[in-house]
Protein backbone atom coordinates (compact mmCIF):
# COMPACT_ATOMS: atom_id res chain seq x y z
CA MET A 1 -54.48 61.76 29.26
CA SER A 2 -55.35 63.93 26.26
CA VAL A 3 -53.29 66.52 24.43
CA THR A 4 -52.24 69.52 26.50
CA ILE A 5 -53.85 72.94 26.22
CA GLY A 6 -51.57 75.88 26.83
CA ILE A 7 -51.80 78.16 29.84
CA GLY A 8 -54.30 80.95 29.33
CA GLU A 9 -56.24 79.27 26.51
CA ARG A 10 -59.28 78.64 28.66
CA ASN A 11 -61.47 81.41 30.06
CA GLU A 12 -60.30 81.93 33.66
CA LYS A 13 -59.96 84.71 36.21
CA SER A 14 -56.63 86.46 36.78
CA LEU A 15 -55.95 84.97 40.23
CA HIS A 16 -56.51 81.41 39.07
CA ALA A 17 -54.30 81.94 36.00
CA ALA A 18 -51.53 83.57 38.07
CA LEU A 19 -51.46 80.72 40.59
CA LYS A 20 -51.29 78.21 37.76
CA GLN A 21 -48.25 80.05 36.42
CA TYR A 22 -46.77 80.11 39.94
CA TYR A 23 -47.05 76.32 40.28
CA ALA A 24 -46.04 75.51 36.71
CA ARG A 25 -42.75 73.80 35.99
CA ALA A 26 -41.05 72.18 33.01
CA GLY A 27 -42.83 69.07 31.74
CA ASP A 28 -46.26 69.95 33.17
CA GLU A 29 -49.42 69.49 31.13
CA PHE A 30 -52.16 72.07 31.48
CA GLU A 31 -55.95 71.86 31.23
CA ILE A 32 -56.06 68.22 30.17
CA LYS A 33 -58.77 65.66 30.76
CA VAL A 34 -58.13 62.96 33.37
CA ASP A 35 -60.84 60.40 34.20
CA GLY A 36 -63.41 62.66 32.55
CA TYR A 37 -62.40 65.84 34.41
CA ILE A 38 -60.37 68.85 33.24
CA ILE A 39 -57.26 69.24 35.43
CA ASP A 40 -55.34 72.49 35.94
CA ILE A 41 -51.88 70.90 36.03
CA ALA A 42 -50.95 67.26 35.51
CA ARG A 43 -47.63 65.63 36.40
CA PRO A 44 -46.66 61.94 36.33
CA ASP A 45 -46.80 61.76 40.14
CA GLN A 46 -49.68 64.12 40.94
CA LEU A 47 -52.54 66.31 39.73
CA ILE A 48 -52.78 69.94 40.84
CA GLU A 49 -56.15 71.63 41.21
CA ILE A 50 -56.41 75.34 42.02
CA GLN A 51 -59.66 76.24 43.76
CA THR A 52 -60.01 79.90 44.73
CA ARG A 53 -63.30 79.24 46.56
CA ASN A 54 -66.22 76.82 47.04
CA PHE A 55 -64.86 73.34 47.74
CA ALA A 56 -68.42 72.01 47.51
CA ALA A 57 -68.30 72.62 43.75
CA ILE A 58 -65.43 70.14 43.29
CA ARG A 59 -66.49 67.51 45.83
CA ARG A 60 -67.57 64.99 43.18
CA LYS A 61 -64.45 65.67 41.12
CA LEU A 62 -62.17 65.04 44.11
CA ASP A 63 -64.09 61.89 45.05
CA ALA A 64 -63.37 60.45 41.60
CA LEU A 65 -59.76 61.59 41.18
CA LEU A 66 -58.52 60.57 44.63
CA GLU A 67 -59.41 56.95 43.93
CA HIS A 68 -56.50 56.62 41.51
CA HIS A 69 -54.39 59.80 41.71
CA ARG A 70 -52.43 61.90 44.17
CA VAL A 71 -54.07 65.34 44.15
CA ARG A 72 -52.66 68.63 45.40
CA LEU A 73 -55.51 71.05 46.12
CA VAL A 74 -54.33 74.68 46.09
CA TYR A 75 -56.39 77.21 48.04
CA PRO A 76 -55.37 80.89 48.19
CA ILE A 77 -56.20 83.06 51.21
CA ALA A 78 -55.81 86.83 50.96
CA GLN A 79 -53.65 87.84 53.91
CA ASP A 80 -53.79 91.40 52.60
CA LYS A 81 -56.28 92.82 50.10
CA TRP A 82 -56.48 96.10 48.26
CA ILE A 83 -59.83 97.15 46.83
CA VAL A 84 -59.83 99.07 43.55
CA ARG A 85 -63.11 100.71 42.50
CA TRP A 86 -63.87 101.58 38.89
CA SER A 87 -66.71 103.55 37.35
CA LYS A 88 -69.67 101.78 35.75
CA SER A 89 -68.06 102.11 32.33
CA GLY A 90 -64.76 100.72 33.63
CA LYS A 91 -62.86 103.66 32.16
CA ARG A 92 -62.21 105.66 35.35
CA MET A 93 -60.63 104.49 38.60
CA LEU A 94 -62.52 105.89 41.58
CA GLY A 95 -60.12 104.88 44.33
CA ARG A 96 -57.87 102.26 45.88
CA ARG A 97 -57.78 101.31 49.57
CA LYS A 98 -56.51 98.49 51.75
CA SER A 99 -59.17 96.28 53.30
CA PRO A 100 -59.03 96.07 57.12
CA LYS A 101 -59.74 92.34 56.89
CA VAL A 102 -56.69 90.12 57.41
CA GLY A 103 -56.82 86.55 56.12
CA ARG A 104 -55.57 83.68 58.30
CA VAL A 105 -54.61 80.09 57.56
CA SER A 106 -57.50 78.95 59.75
CA ASP A 107 -59.90 80.44 57.17
CA LEU A 108 -59.33 77.18 55.30
CA PHE A 109 -61.86 75.44 57.55
CA GLU A 110 -64.66 77.55 56.07
CA GLU A 111 -64.23 75.46 52.92
CA LEU A 112 -63.15 72.16 54.49
CA VAL A 113 -66.59 71.68 56.07
CA SER A 114 -67.81 70.91 52.51
CA ILE A 115 -65.49 67.90 52.13
CA PRO A 116 -65.10 66.45 55.65
CA HIS A 117 -64.94 62.86 54.35
CA LEU A 118 -61.90 63.70 52.19
CA ILE A 119 -59.75 65.72 54.59
CA ASN A 120 -57.84 62.68 55.80
CA HIS A 121 -57.58 60.94 52.43
CA PRO A 122 -54.03 59.57 51.88
CA ASN A 123 -53.95 60.84 48.29
CA LEU A 124 -54.90 64.42 49.16
CA ILE A 125 -52.47 67.26 49.85
CA ILE A 126 -53.82 70.74 50.55
CA ASP A 127 -51.69 73.81 49.93
CA VAL A 128 -52.84 77.04 51.58
CA VAL A 129 -51.22 79.89 49.69
CA MET A 130 -51.18 83.12 51.69
CA ILE A 131 -51.25 85.98 49.20
CA GLN A 132 -51.55 89.70 48.72
CA VAL A 133 -54.28 90.46 46.23
CA GLU A 134 -56.02 93.30 44.45
CA GLU A 135 -59.81 93.06 44.15
CA ILE A 136 -61.27 94.87 41.15
CA ARG A 137 -64.77 96.25 41.64
CA ARG A 138 -67.06 98.11 39.27
CA VAL A 139 -69.71 100.50 40.59
CA ASP A 140 -72.52 99.19 38.37
CA GLY A 141 -75.36 98.74 40.87
CA ARG A 142 -75.35 94.97 40.41
CA GLY A 143 -73.29 93.96 43.43
CA SER A 144 -74.06 93.25 47.07
CA TRP A 145 -75.50 95.97 49.28
CA ARG A 146 -72.48 95.41 51.52
CA ARG A 147 -70.33 96.68 48.64
CA LYS A 148 -72.83 99.49 47.95
CA GLY A 149 -73.85 97.91 44.68
CA ALA A 150 -70.33 97.40 43.34
CA SER A 151 -69.64 94.12 41.52
CA ILE A 152 -66.43 92.14 41.93
CA LYS A 153 -64.99 91.78 38.44
CA ASP A 154 -61.62 90.18 39.12
CA ARG A 155 -58.90 89.42 41.65
CA LYS A 156 -55.27 89.96 40.75
CA LEU A 157 -52.32 88.34 42.49
CA LEU A 158 -49.80 90.86 43.83
CA SER A 159 -47.47 88.49 45.69
CA VAL A 160 -47.24 85.11 47.43
CA VAL A 161 -46.38 85.52 51.12
CA GLU A 162 -46.00 81.84 52.03
CA THR A 163 -47.36 78.37 51.31
CA ILE A 164 -48.42 75.94 54.03
CA SER A 165 -48.94 72.30 53.06
CA PHE A 166 -51.27 69.88 54.87
CA GLU A 167 -50.72 66.16 54.29
CA SER A 168 -51.84 64.63 57.57
CA LYS A 169 -53.97 65.32 60.62
CA GLU A 170 -50.78 66.26 62.51
CA ASP A 171 -50.29 69.17 60.09
CA PHE A 172 -53.80 70.45 60.86
CA LEU A 173 -53.29 70.02 64.62
CA ARG A 174 -50.41 72.51 64.47
CA LEU A 175 -53.02 75.22 63.90
CA LEU A 176 -54.10 74.76 67.52
CA PRO A 177 -51.77 76.83 69.73
CA GLU A 178 -49.65 75.08 72.36
CA SER A 179 -51.26 77.42 74.89
CA LEU A 180 -54.60 75.68 74.34
CA VAL A 181 -54.98 73.68 77.56
CA GLN A 182 -56.89 70.39 77.37
CA PRO A 183 -59.78 69.87 77.46
CA PHE A 184 -60.81 72.92 75.44
CA SER A 185 -64.06 74.43 74.22
CA ASN A 186 -64.91 76.20 70.98
CA ARG A 187 -64.91 79.46 72.87
CA ARG A 188 -61.35 78.82 74.06
CA VAL A 189 -60.26 77.93 70.51
CA ALA A 190 -61.77 81.20 69.26
CA GLU A 191 -59.83 83.16 71.88
CA CYS A 192 -56.50 81.44 71.15
CA VAL A 193 -56.76 81.53 67.37
CA SER A 194 -58.34 85.02 67.29
CA CYS A 195 -61.37 83.97 65.27
CA SER A 196 -65.13 83.99 65.70
CA ILE A 197 -66.93 81.29 67.65
CA TYR A 198 -68.50 80.15 64.36
CA ALA A 199 -65.06 79.73 62.77
CA ALA A 200 -63.90 77.80 65.85
CA ARG A 201 -66.86 75.42 65.49
CA ARG A 202 -65.94 74.76 61.87
CA MET A 203 -62.37 74.05 62.93
CA THR A 204 -63.27 71.57 65.68
CA TYR A 205 -65.85 69.90 63.41
CA CYS A 206 -63.19 69.23 60.75
CA LEU A 207 -60.53 68.19 63.26
CA LYS A 208 -62.97 65.74 64.82
CA LYS A 209 -63.91 64.33 61.39
CA MET A 210 -60.26 63.68 60.53
CA GLY A 211 -59.60 61.99 63.88
CA ALA A 212 -57.28 64.68 65.25
CA ILE A 213 -59.41 65.57 68.28
CA GLN A 214 -62.23 63.90 70.15
CA GLU A 215 -65.23 65.10 72.11
CA VAL A 216 -64.77 64.32 75.82
CA GLY A 217 -67.73 65.96 77.52
CA LYS A 218 -69.35 69.26 78.33
CA GLN A 219 -68.79 72.25 80.54
CA GLY A 220 -72.20 73.77 81.01
CA ARG A 221 -73.54 74.04 77.44
CA GLN A 222 -70.10 74.03 75.82
CA LEU A 223 -68.63 70.91 74.24
CA LEU A 224 -65.14 69.95 75.36
CA PHE A 225 -62.43 68.44 73.15
CA GLU A 226 -58.99 66.87 73.50
CA ARG A 227 -56.21 66.13 71.03
CA ILE A 228 -55.93 62.47 70.15
């Protein structure tokens, strides 16, 4: 391991920096190189990587690190989000409102589909950090049409609501409600978890890959699954 670099010395977004501060404790090393990769936080017994989105971008990094190290992958999900709009110049705030979208722990599966072969790795721990966040937008005409041209400039952590850790397939299985009668379809998962059918498919795909559920047949055109 190389010499430590202090918190905040690298160019990083506010949310990432705030979560690094949240996880930091005495004796940690920050932004050091391990096996050729820069690590957010390094401890003698584990490495901590904070990934605010896009697990596909760190797939190769995780493949390499998990061979020899215990890795805690931290993924924040905005349970509540406030949107703050600023003028093009960034000098005038145009408004602040709460987004109607509510984040759920099951949103994790949207990213897990990028690393299905690693979900059940014995050296991997995944922390889902449910947060309240403020999203800073600038009305500069460069953003998505869905945001009416506003660009997302930053995300700021307001508070941590709770942290849920996943270390085994049994931890992931707890996301399936007890009311889910076996065998179950993706449609039934969507109804019980209150998510879209597409989100339910991502969930069952990942659970099947980690050996937590198995496909047992079909009901019409719908696949049926059971817990293992």
